[in-house]
Amino acid sequence: MDFSEKRDFQRMAMDCSLQFKVSESAQSQTGKVLNLSAKGVLFISSEAIAPGSHVEIRLTPVSDITPPMSANTVVARCEKQADDEYQVAAEIVQIL
């Protein structure tokens, strides 16, 4: 069988912390990045985030060699994984 990747950009598996703030909230939260591509990010949150929500993120890589990244995103989907754990897929709309 022939398989061709349908995504425009490959995903990089990551295991780093993430600070994020949903635009409707004044409070910043912490999550964990699962993977990152040129157009999106997949992360774990302890709370559900509604699709369409605007979220400002800041990734902090484990290595000091790679600088932190901040971006504005829009949530594409949010799926419950376990109690108090949600997998959030977001489109990167602007790197800050």
C-alpha atoms as a PDB file:
ATOM      1  CA  MET A   1       0.000   0.000   0.000  1.00  0.00           C
ATOM      2  CA  ASP A   2       1.185   3.491  -0.822  1.00  0.00           C
ATOM      3  CA  PHE A   3       0.859   6.068   1.954  1.00  0.00           C
ATOM      4  CA  SER A   4       1.357   9.771   1.382  1.00  0.00           C
ATOM      5  CA  GLU A   5       1.320  12.352   4.158  1.00  0.00           C
ATOM      6  CA  LYS A   6      -1.671  14.643   3.742  1.00  0.00           C
ATOM      7  CA  ARG A   7      -0.354  17.402   6.024  1.00  0.00           C
ATOM      8  CA  ASP A   8       1.434  20.460   4.625  1.00  0.00           C
ATOM      9  CA  PHE A   9       4.067  20.340   7.385  1.00  0.00           C
ATOM     10  CA  GLN A  10       5.523  17.460   9.389  1.00  0.00           C
ATOM     11  CA  ARG A  11       4.975  17.362  13.132  1.00  0.00           C
ATOM     12  CA  MET A  12       7.861  17.367  15.600  1.00  0.00           C
ATOM     13  CA  ALA A  13       7.305  15.319  18.726  1.00  0.00           C
ATOM     14  CA  MET A  14       8.040  17.414  21.802  1.00  0.00           C
ATOM     15  CA  ASP A  15       7.941  17.054  25.541  1.00  0.00           C
ATOM     16  CA  CYS A  16       8.100  20.527  27.022  1.00  0.00           C
ATOM     17  CA  SER A  17       6.057  22.833  29.192  1.00  0.00           C
ATOM     18  CA  LEU A  18       3.602  25.356  27.849  1.00  0.00           C
ATOM     19  CA  GLN A  19       2.055  28.448  29.400  1.00  0.00           C
ATOM     20  CA  PHE A  20      -1.212  29.512  27.806  1.00  0.00           C
ATOM     21  CA  LYS A  21      -3.978  32.042  28.284  1.00  0.00           C
ATOM     22  CA  VAL A  22      -7.424  31.771  26.732  1.00  0.00           C
ATOM     23  CA  SER A  23      -8.476  35.222  25.491  1.00  0.00           C
ATOM     24  CA  GLU A  24     -11.721  35.175  27.515  1.00  0.00           C
ATOM     25  CA  SER A  25      -9.797  34.459  30.736  1.00  0.00           C
ATOM     26  CA  ALA A  26      -7.469  36.621  32.796  1.00  0.00           C
ATOM     27  CA  GLN A  27      -5.676  33.599  34.243  1.00  0.00           C
ATOM     28  CA  SER A  28      -2.627  31.898  32.721  1.00  0.00           C
ATOM     29  CA  GLN A  29      -2.453  28.086  32.798  1.00  0.00           C
ATOM     30  CA  THR A  30       0.226  25.434  32.333  1.00  0.00           C
ATOM     31  CA  GLY A  31       0.162  22.505  29.928  1.00  0.00           C
ATOM     32  CA  LYS A  32       2.437  20.047  28.147  1.00  0.00           C
ATOM     33  CA  VAL A  33       3.303  20.142  24.427  1.00  0.00           C
ATOM     34  CA  LEU A  34       2.963  16.828  22.580  1.00  0.00           C
ATOM     35  CA  ASN A  35       3.911  17.989  19.091  1.00  0.00           C
ATOM     36  CA  LEU A  36       4.493  21.091  17.005  1.00  0.00           C
ATOM     37  CA  SER A  37       4.439  21.935  13.301  1.00  0.00           C
ATOM     38  CA  ALA A  38       4.810  25.136  11.298  1.00  0.00           C
ATOM     39  CA  LYS A  39       1.032  25.647  11.438  1.00  0.00           C
ATOM     40  CA  GLY A  40      -0.110  24.053  14.675  1.00  0.00           C
ATOM     41  CA  VAL A  41       0.469  22.712  18.149  1.00  0.00           C
ATOM     42  CA  LEU A  42      -0.983  19.773  20.099  1.00  0.00           C
ATOM     43  CA  PHE A  43      -0.917  20.084  23.871  1.00  0.00           C
ATOM     44  CA  ILE A  44      -2.399  18.736  27.085  1.00  0.00           C
ATOM     45  CA  SER A  45      -4.552  20.971  29.291  1.00  0.00           C
ATOM     46  CA  SER A  46      -6.217  20.265  32.631  1.00  0.00           C
ATOM     47  CA  GLU A  47      -9.331  22.116  31.427  1.00  0.00           C
ATOM     48  CA  ALA A  48     -11.413  21.906  28.258  1.00  0.00           C
ATOM     49  CA  ILE A  49     -11.011  24.777  25.792  1.00  0.00           C
ATOM     50  CA  ALA A  50     -13.843  25.423  23.342  1.00  0.00           C
ATOM     51  CA  PRO A  51     -13.041  25.131  19.618  1.00  0.00           C
ATOM     52  CA  GLY A  52     -12.715  28.586  18.084  1.00  0.00           C
ATOM     53  CA  SER A  53     -11.188  30.050  21.262  1.00  0.00           C
ATOM     54  CA  HIS A  54      -8.187  32.323  20.814  1.00  0.00           C
ATOM     55  CA  VAL A  55      -5.273  31.183  22.958  1.00  0.00           C
ATOM     56  CA  GLU A  56      -1.889  32.850  23.455  1.00  0.00           C
ATOM     57  CA  ILE A  57       0.816  30.235  24.064  1.00  0.00           C
ATOM     58  CA  ARG A  58       4.438  30.267  25.206  1.00  0.00           C
ATOM     59  CA  LEU A  59       6.510  27.108  24.725  1.00  0.00           C
ATOM     60  CA  THR A  60       9.568  26.614  26.885  1.00  0.00           C
ATOM     61  CA  PRO A  61      11.880  23.930  25.420  1.00  0.00           C
ATOM     62  CA  VAL A  62      13.840  21.725  27.807  1.00  0.00           C
ATOM     63  CA  SER A  63      17.166  22.704  26.238  1.00  0.00           C
ATOM     64  CA  ASP A  64      18.573  26.215  26.670  1.00  0.00           C
ATOM     65  CA  ILE A  65      19.855  25.965  23.083  1.00  0.00           C
ATOM     66  CA  THR A  66      16.332  26.430  21.719  1.00  0.00           C
ATOM     67  CA  PRO A  67      14.698  29.740  22.647  1.00  0.00           C
ATOM     68  CA  PRO A  68      11.103  29.951  23.939  1.00  0.00           C
ATOM     69  CA  MET A  69       8.361  30.589  21.376  1.00  0.00           C
ATOM     70  CA  SER A  70       5.226  32.683  21.808  1.00  0.00           C
ATOM     71  CA  ALA A  71       2.271  32.577  19.416  1.00  0.00           C
ATOM     72  CA  ASN A  72      -1.400  33.383  19.006  1.00  0.00           C
ATOM     73  CA  THR A  73      -3.483  30.322  18.188  1.00  0.00           C
ATOM     74  CA  VAL A  74      -7.079  29.264  17.534  1.00  0.00           C
ATOM     75  CA  VAL A  75      -8.325  25.973  18.979  1.00  0.00           C
ATOM     76  CA  ALA A  76      -9.401  23.514  16.286  1.00  0.00           C
ATOM     77  CA  ARG A  77     -10.491  20.703  18.619  1.00  0.00           C
ATOM     78  CA  CYS A  78     -10.394  19.628  22.249  1.00  0.00           C
ATOM     79  CA  GLU A  79     -10.804  15.974  23.242  1.00  0.00           C
ATOM     80  CA  LYS A  80     -11.055  14.552  26.749  1.00  0.00           C
ATOM     81  CA  GLN A  81      -8.326  11.967  27.388  1.00  0.00           C
ATOM     82  CA  ALA A  82      -8.790  11.213  31.097  1.00  0.00           C
ATOM     83  CA  ASP A  83     -10.054  12.915  34.241  1.00  0.00           C
ATOM     84  CA  ASP A  84      -8.722  16.473  34.211  1.00  0.00           C
ATOM     85  CA  GLU A  85      -6.781  15.921  30.967  1.00  0.00           C
ATOM     86  CA  TYR A  86      -7.722  17.302  27.567  1.00  0.00           C
ATOM     87  CA  GLN A  87      -5.821  17.084  24.294  1.00  0.00           C
ATOM     88  CA  VAL A  88      -6.020  20.444  22.520  1.00  0.00           C
ATOM     89  CA  ALA A  89      -5.139  20.962  18.845  1.00  0.00           C
ATOM     90  CA  ALA A  90      -4.627  24.591  17.873  1.00  0.00           C
ATOM     91  CA  GLU A  91      -3.723  26.395  14.647  1.00  0.00           C
ATOM     92  CA  ILE A  92      -0.880  28.908  14.902  1.00  0.00           C
ATOM     93  CA  VAL A  93      -2.102  32.196  13.426  1.00  0.00           C
ATOM     94  CA  GLN A  94       0.763  34.479  14.493  1.00  0.00           C
ATOM     95  CA  ILE A  95       4.197  33.963  15.996  1.00  0.00           C
ATOM     96  CA  LEU A  96       4.965  36.758  18.462  1.00  0.00           C
END
